[in-house]
C-alpha atoms as a PDB file:
ATOM      1  CA  UNK A   1     216.233 212.341 -18.559  1.00  0.00           C
ATOM      2  CA  UNK A   2     217.792 215.136 -16.494  1.00  0.00           C
ATOM      3  CA  UNK A   3     217.366 215.243 -12.727  1.00  0.00           C
ATOM      4  CA  UNK A   4     215.277 218.420 -12.876  1.00  0.00           C
ATOM      5  CA  UNK A   5     212.861 216.868 -15.370  1.00  0.00           C
ATOM      6  CA  UNK A   6     212.594 213.780 -13.180  1.00  0.00           C
ATOM      7  CA  UNK A   7     211.795 216.021 -10.234  1.00  0.00           C
ATOM      8  CA  UNK A   8     209.029 217.786 -12.165  1.00  0.00           C
ATOM      9  CA  UNK A   9     207.644 214.435 -13.335  1.00  0.00           C
ATOM     10  CA  UNK A  10     207.580 212.880  -9.864  1.00  0.00           C
ATOM     11  CA  UNK A  11     206.074 215.990  -8.299  1.00  0.00           C
ATOM     12  CA  UNK A  12     203.522 216.192 -11.082  1.00  0.00           C
ATOM     13  CA  UNK A  13     202.517 212.586 -10.444  1.00  0.00           C
ATOM     14  CA  UNK A  14     202.093 213.407  -6.757  1.00  0.00           C
ATOM     15  CA  UNK A  15     199.752 216.274  -7.683  1.00  0.00           C
ATOM     16  CA  UNK A  16     197.805 214.017 -10.029  1.00  0.00           C
ATOM     17  CA  UNK A  17     197.397 211.469  -7.232  1.00  0.00           C
ATOM     18  CA  UNK A  18     196.239 214.210  -4.841  1.00  0.00           C
ATOM     19  CA  UNK A  19     193.827 215.745  -7.332  1.00  0.00           C
ATOM     20  CA  UNK A  20     192.440 212.394  -8.430  1.00  0.00           C
ATOM     21  CA  UNK A  21     191.826 211.215  -4.874  1.00  0.00           C
ATOM     22  CA  UNK A  22     190.273 214.544  -3.914  1.00  0.00           C
ATOM     23  CA  UNK A  23     187.969 214.464  -6.950  1.00  0.00           C
ATOM     24  CA  UNK A  24     186.833 210.908  -6.274  1.00  0.00           C
ATOM     25  CA  UNK A  25     186.034 211.685  -2.635  1.00  0.00           C
ATOM     26  CA  UNK A  26     184.163 214.828  -3.706  1.00  0.00           C
ATOM     27  CA  UNK A  27     181.976 212.992  -6.232  1.00  0.00           C
ATOM     28  CA  UNK A  28     178.288 213.136  -5.383  1.00  0.00           C
ATOM     29  CA  UNK A  29     177.806 209.359  -5.202  1.00  0.00           C
ATOM     30  CA  UNK A  30     180.791 208.606  -2.966  1.00  0.00           C
ATOM     31  CA  UNK A  31     180.099 211.709  -0.904  1.00  0.00           C
ATOM     32  CA  UNK A  32     176.611 210.463  -0.081  1.00  0.00           C
ATOM     33  CA  UNK A  33     177.949 207.032   0.847  1.00  0.00           C
ATOM     34  CA  UNK A  34     180.710 208.394   3.078  1.00  0.00           C
ATOM     35  CA  UNK A  35     178.369 210.951   4.648  1.00  0.00           C
ATOM     36  CA  UNK A  36     175.992 208.110   5.527  1.00  0.00           C
ATOM     37  CA  UNK A  37     178.849 206.265   7.245  1.00  0.00           C
ATOM     38  CA  UNK A  38     180.600 209.192   8.955  1.00  0.00           C
ATOM     39  CA  UNK A  39     177.486 211.222   9.669  1.00  0.00           C
ATOM     40  CA  UNK A  40     178.064 214.723  11.037  1.00  0.00           C
ATOM     41  CA  UNK A  41     181.834 214.201  11.135  1.00  0.00           C
ATOM     42  CA  UNK A  42     182.044 213.629   7.375  1.00  0.00           C
ATOM     43  CA  UNK A  43     183.098 217.174   6.466  1.00  0.00           C
ATOM     44  CA  UNK A  44     185.726 217.282   9.223  1.00  0.00           C
ATOM     45  CA  UNK A  45     187.092 213.902   8.134  1.00  0.00           C
ATOM     46  CA  UNK A  46     187.099 214.910   4.466  1.00  0.00           C
ATOM     47  CA  UNK A  47     188.975 218.155   5.160  1.00  0.00           C
ATOM     48  CA  UNK A  48     191.419 216.402   7.477  1.00  0.00           C
ATOM     49  CA  UNK A  49     192.258 213.862   4.780  1.00  0.00           C
ATOM     50  CA  UNK A  50     192.628 216.653   2.203  1.00  0.00           C
ATOM     51  CA  UNK A  51     195.058 218.564   4.429  1.00  0.00           C
ATOM     52  CA  UNK A  52     197.147 215.471   5.141  1.00  0.00           C
ATOM     53  CA  UNK A  53     197.253 214.389   1.478  1.00  0.00           C
ATOM     54  CA  UNK A  54     198.206 217.917   0.383  1.00  0.00           C
ATOM     55  CA  UNK A  55     200.961 217.985   3.002  1.00  0.00           C
ATOM     56  CA  UNK A  56     202.262 214.669   1.662  1.00  0.00           C
ATOM     57  CA  UNK A  57     202.221 216.127  -1.867  1.00  0.00           C
ATOM     58  CA  UNK A  58     204.279 219.131  -0.722  1.00  0.00           C
ATOM     59  CA  UNK A  59     206.644 216.784   1.130  1.00  0.00           C
ATOM     60  CA  UNK A  60     207.240 214.796  -2.067  1.00  0.00           C
ATOM     61  CA  UNK A  61     208.031 218.059  -3.865  1.00  0.00           C
ATOM     62  CA  UNK A  62     210.388 219.141  -1.095  1.00  0.00           C
ATOM     63  CA  UNK A  63     212.276 215.854  -1.340  1.00  0.00           C
ATOM     64  CA  UNK A  64     212.602 215.682  -5.119  1.00  0.00           C
ATOM     65  CA  UNK A  65     213.709 219.332  -5.393  1.00  0.00           C
ATOM     66  CA  UNK A  66     215.972 219.220  -2.309  1.00  0.00           C
ATOM     67  CA  UNK A  67     219.175 219.432  -4.346  1.00  0.00           C
ATOM     68  CA  UNK A  68     218.062 222.303  -6.599  1.00  0.00           C
ATOM     69  CA  UNK A  69     219.043 225.912  -6.056  1.00  0.00           C
ATOM     70  CA  UNK A  70     216.967 229.066  -6.186  1.00  0.00           C
ATOM     71  CA  UNK A  71     216.748 230.922  -9.493  1.00  0.00           C
ATOM     72  CA  UNK A  72     219.119 233.822 -10.053  1.00  0.00           C
ATOM     73  CA  UNK A  73     216.703 236.755 -10.101  1.00  0.00           C
ATOM     74  CA  UNK A  74     217.146 240.487 -10.185  1.00  0.00           C
ATOM     75  CA  UNK A  75     216.155 242.506  -7.141  1.00  0.00           C
ATOM     76  CA  UNK A  76     213.240 243.965  -9.075  1.00  0.00           C
ATOM     77  CA  UNK A  77     211.811 240.527  -9.800  1.00  0.00           C
ATOM     78  CA  UNK A  78     212.325 239.509  -6.169  1.00  0.00           C
ATOM     79  CA  UNK A  79     210.368 242.557  -5.021  1.00  0.00           C
ATOM     80  CA  UNK A  80     207.586 241.851  -7.514  1.00  0.00           C
ATOM     81  CA  UNK A  81     207.316 238.256  -6.334  1.00  0.00           C
ATOM     82  CA  UNK A  82     207.359 239.325  -2.699  1.00  0.00           C
ATOM     83  CA  UNK A  83     204.626 241.907  -3.218  1.00  0.00           C
ATOM     84  CA  UNK A  84     202.593 239.354  -5.178  1.00  0.00           C
ATOM     85  CA  UNK A  85     202.767 236.793  -2.399  1.00  0.00           C
ATOM     86  CA  UNK A  86     202.026 239.274   0.391  1.00  0.00           C
ATOM     87  CA  UNK A  87     199.065 240.615  -1.599  1.00  0.00           C
ATOM     88  CA  UNK A  88     197.810 237.051  -1.926  1.00  0.00           C
ATOM     89  CA  UNK A  89     197.947 236.470   1.828  1.00  0.00           C
ATOM     90  CA  UNK A  90     196.075 239.707   2.515  1.00  0.00           C
ATOM     91  CA  UNK A  91     193.438 238.844  -0.088  1.00  0.00           C
ATOM     92  CA  UNK A  92     193.100 235.367   1.392  1.00  0.00           C
ATOM     93  CA  UNK A  93     192.484 236.847   4.837  1.00  0.00           C
ATOM     94  CA  UNK A  94     189.682 239.078   3.564  1.00  0.00           C
ATOM     95  CA  UNK A  95     188.247 236.349   1.320  1.00  0.00           C
ATOM     96  CA  UNK A  96     188.037 233.832   4.158  1.00  0.00           C
ATOM     97  CA  UNK A  97     186.139 236.391   6.223  1.00  0.00           C
ATOM     98  CA  UNK A  98     183.264 236.220   3.745  1.00  0.00           C
ATOM     99  CA  UNK A  99     182.616 232.524   4.226  1.00  0.00           C
ATOM    100  CA  UNK A 100     181.002 230.524   7.003  1.00  0.00           C
ATOM    101  CA  UNK A 101     184.246 228.882   8.068  1.00  0.00           C
ATOM    102  CA  UNK A 102     182.514 226.609  10.550  1.00  0.00           C
ATOM    103  CA  UNK A 103     180.329 225.111   7.825  1.00  0.00           C
ATOM    104  CA  UNK A 104     183.260 224.982   5.397  1.00  0.00           C
ATOM    105  CA  UNK A 105     185.521 223.190   7.886  1.00  0.00           C
ATOM    106  CA  UNK A 106     182.781 220.905   9.184  1.00  0.00           C
ATOM    107  CA  UNK A 107     182.787 222.058  12.811  1.00  0.00           C
ATOM    108  CA  UNK A 108     179.287 223.543  12.399  1.00  0.00           C
ATOM    109  CA  UNK A 109     177.864 220.212  11.273  1.00  0.00           C
ATOM    110  CA  UNK A 110     179.638 218.340  14.065  1.00  0.00           C
ATOM    111  CA  UNK A 111     178.537 220.742  16.808  1.00  0.00           C
ATOM    112  CA  UNK A 112     174.932 220.519  15.641  1.00  0.00           C
ATOM    113  CA  UNK A 113     174.930 216.750  15.109  1.00  0.00           C
ATOM    114  CA  UNK A 114     172.234 216.190  17.752  1.00  0.00           C
ATOM    115  CA  UNK A 115     169.947 218.992  16.635  1.00  0.00           C
ATOM    116  CA  UNK A 116     167.744 219.681  13.669  1.00  0.00           C
ATOM    117  CA  UNK A 117     170.043 222.468  12.440  1.00  0.00           C
ATOM    118  CA  UNK A 118     170.759 222.720   8.736  1.00  0.00           C
ATOM    119  CA  UNK A 119     173.401 220.116   7.960  1.00  0.00           C
ATOM    120  CA  UNK A 120     174.060 221.089   4.340  1.00  0.00           C
ATOM    121  CA  UNK A 121     177.776 221.626   3.693  1.00  0.00           C
ATOM    122  CA  UNK A 122     177.116 224.438   1.214  1.00  0.00           C
ATOM    123  CA  UNK A 123     176.405 228.064   2.002  1.00  0.00           C
ATOM    124  CA  UNK A 124     173.958 230.267   0.158  1.00  0.00           C
ATOM    125  CA  UNK A 125     175.319 231.742  -3.067  1.00  0.00           C
ATOM    126  CA  UNK A 126     177.833 234.490  -2.274  1.00  0.00           C
ATOM    127  CA  UNK A 127     177.576 237.598  -4.469  1.00  0.00           C
ATOM    128  CA  UNK A 128     178.556 240.376  -2.049  1.00  0.00           C
ATOM    129  CA  UNK A 129     181.857 241.880  -0.944  1.00  0.00           C
ATOM    130  CA  UNK A 130     184.781 240.571  -2.975  1.00  0.00           C
ATOM    131  CA  UNK A 131     182.300 238.465  -4.933  1.00  0.00           C
ATOM    132  CA  UNK A 132     181.129 241.692  -6.593  1.00  0.00           C
ATOM    133  CA  UNK A 133     184.454 241.653  -8.439  1.00  0.00           C
ATOM    134  CA  UNK A 134     185.382 237.980  -8.936  1.00  0.00           C
ATOM    135  CA  UNK A 135     183.508 234.713  -8.534  1.00  0.00           C
ATOM    136  CA  UNK A 136     186.352 232.955  -6.715  1.00  0.00           C
ATOM    137  CA  UNK A 137     188.305 235.489  -4.609  1.00  0.00           C
ATOM    138  CA  UNK A 138     189.844 232.755  -2.462  1.00  0.00           C
ATOM    139  CA  UNK A 139     191.268 231.060  -5.539  1.00  0.00           C
ATOM    140  CA  UNK A 140     192.551 234.426  -6.777  1.00  0.00           C
ATOM    141  CA  UNK A 141     194.412 234.765  -3.481  1.00  0.00           C
ATOM    142  CA  UNK A 142     195.918 231.279  -3.765  1.00  0.00           C
ATOM    143  CA  UNK A 143     197.124 232.027  -7.315  1.00  0.00           C
ATOM    144  CA  UNK A 144     198.947 235.110  -6.019  1.00  0.00           C
ATOM    145  CA  UNK A 145     200.523 233.174  -3.138  1.00  0.00           C
ATOM    146  CA  UNK A 146     201.618 230.335  -5.419  1.00  0.00           C
ATOM    147  CA  UNK A 147     203.198 232.488  -8.115  1.00  0.00           C
ATOM    148  CA  UNK A 148     204.733 234.846  -5.576  1.00  0.00           C
ATOM    149  CA  UNK A 149     206.688 231.851  -4.268  1.00  0.00           C
ATOM    150  CA  UNK A 150     207.945 230.768  -7.697  1.00  0.00           C
ATOM    151  CA  UNK A 151     211.541 231.820  -7.074  1.00  0.00           C
ATOM    152  CA  UNK A 152     212.849 228.248  -6.778  1.00  0.00           C
ATOM    153  CA  UNK A 153     212.285 225.167  -8.974  1.00  0.00           C
ATOM    154  CA  UNK A 154     210.130 223.735  -6.164  1.00  0.00           C
ATOM    155  CA  UNK A 155     208.113 226.952  -5.939  1.00  0.00           C
ATOM    156  CA  UNK A 156     207.683 227.173  -9.699  1.00  0.00           C
ATOM    157  CA  UNK A 157     206.563 223.549  -9.946  1.00  0.00           C
ATOM    158  CA  UNK A 158     204.110 224.101  -7.090  1.00  0.00           C
ATOM    159  CA  UNK A 159     202.726 227.181  -8.830  1.00  0.00           C
ATOM    160  CA  UNK A 160     202.287 225.283 -12.109  1.00  0.00           C
ATOM    161  CA  UNK A 161     200.699 222.141 -10.681  1.00  0.00           C
ATOM    162  CA  UNK A 162     198.733 224.002  -8.028  1.00  0.00           C
ATOM    163  CA  UNK A 163     197.304 226.394 -10.615  1.00  0.00           C
ATOM    164  CA  UNK A 164     196.330 223.481 -12.830  1.00  0.00           C
ATOM    165  CA  UNK A 165     194.563 221.847  -9.908  1.00  0.00           C
ATOM    166  CA  UNK A 166     192.669 225.067  -9.108  1.00  0.00           C
ATOM    167  CA  UNK A 167     191.580 225.555 -12.715  1.00  0.00           C
ATOM    168  CA  UNK A 168     190.278 222.001 -12.977  1.00  0.00           C
ATOM    169  CA  UNK A 169     188.640 222.299  -9.568  1.00  0.00           C
ATOM    170  CA  UNK A 170     186.952 225.530 -10.611  1.00  0.00           C
ATOM    171  CA  UNK A 171     185.425 223.832 -13.641  1.00  0.00           C
ATOM    172  CA  UNK A 172     183.810 221.132 -11.509  1.00  0.00           C
ATOM    173  CA  UNK A 173     182.819 223.561  -8.759  1.00  0.00           C
ATOM    174  CA  UNK A 174     181.025 225.775 -11.250  1.00  0.00           C
ATOM    175  CA  UNK A 175     179.141 222.784 -12.623  1.00  0.00           C
ATOM    176  CA  UNK A 176     177.997 222.033  -9.081  1.00  0.00           C
ATOM    177  CA  UNK A 177     176.988 225.647  -8.486  1.00  0.00           C
ATOM    178  CA  UNK A 178     175.015 225.700 -11.731  1.00  0.00           C
ATOM    179  CA  UNK A 179     173.211 222.520 -10.738  1.00  0.00           C
ATOM    180  CA  UNK A 180     172.469 223.940  -7.291  1.00  0.00           C
ATOM    181  CA  UNK A 181     171.536 227.544  -8.138  1.00  0.00           C
ATOM    182  CA  UNK A 182     170.481 227.299 -11.792  1.00  0.00           C
ATOM    183  CA  UNK A 183     169.791 230.528 -13.657  1.00  0.00           C
ATOM    184  CA  UNK A 184     170.782 232.636 -10.647  1.00  0.00           C
ATOM    185  CA  UNK A 185     174.349 231.435 -10.860  1.00  0.00           C
ATOM    186  CA  UNK A 186     174.340 231.432 -14.662  1.00  0.00           C
ATOM    187  CA  UNK A 187     173.407 235.124 -14.646  1.00  0.00           C
ATOM    188  CA  UNK A 188     176.006 235.882 -11.981  1.00  0.00           C
ATOM    189  CA  UNK A 189     178.691 234.028 -13.941  1.00  0.00           C
ATOM    190  CA  UNK A 190     177.778 235.977 -17.045  1.00  0.00           C
ATOM    191  CA  UNK A 191     178.526 239.302 -15.328  1.00  0.00           C
ATOM    192  CA  UNK A 192     181.406 238.556 -12.922  1.00  0.00           C
ATOM    193  CA  UNK A 193     184.906 237.315 -13.961  1.00  0.00           C
ATOM    194  CA  UNK A 194     186.293 234.171 -12.371  1.00  0.00           C
ATOM    195  CA  UNK A 195     189.635 235.337 -10.920  1.00  0.00           C
ATOM    196  CA  UNK A 196     190.750 238.719 -12.286  1.00  0.00           C
ATOM    197  CA  UNK A 197     188.528 241.760 -11.556  1.00  0.00           C
ATOM    198  CA  UNK A 198     188.901 243.251 -15.027  1.00  0.00           C
ATOM    199  CA  UNK A 199     185.314 244.498 -14.995  1.00  0.00           C
ATOM    200  CA  UNK A 200     185.670 246.324 -11.699  1.00  0.00           C
ATOM    201  CA  UNK A 201     182.601 246.073  -9.482  1.00  0.00           C
ATOM    202  CA  UNK A 202     180.513 243.873 -11.763  1.00  0.00           C
ATOM    203  CA  UNK A 203     177.371 243.396  -9.631  1.00  0.00           C
END
């Protein structure tokens, strides 16, 4: 097996380990058990572990692709990739502004641990702003950032494995949203695309 294939295999295994661990920790049963143990700090702890494990995954990729060189690309392709990545960062900035970041990160739950404030990790269903056009604008932004950085073997592998992780994660997230919001989300999903706003302003 060539060194480049070995690098893709090892990096792919690192992504599988990350995704598998993340999925197990996010399962409803284990989530309830860990939330009972960690209390109001559960969401902060969960996100902290996710960030560290993702950083380790990237570190593995950096090591196994350390000896590879960037692809030989034309200037036009370089510009396209650059514009794609910059567009992704801008979209991510605007997408994040439409979420309750305190609740998402877990700081809201921790700050209100001694009160009767709502402790649910989930926000109300978002259908306004960018969500008029796509159901998952934050994921759309991450796709753009990932593929805009695919000008090296490491970047391409990250785009491939990262995209696979997002697609699988979207499947399970939508199952959770359907269970939580029922027909409301089913109707919304029937009108609004997942990632690409091909219908324009759908709702």
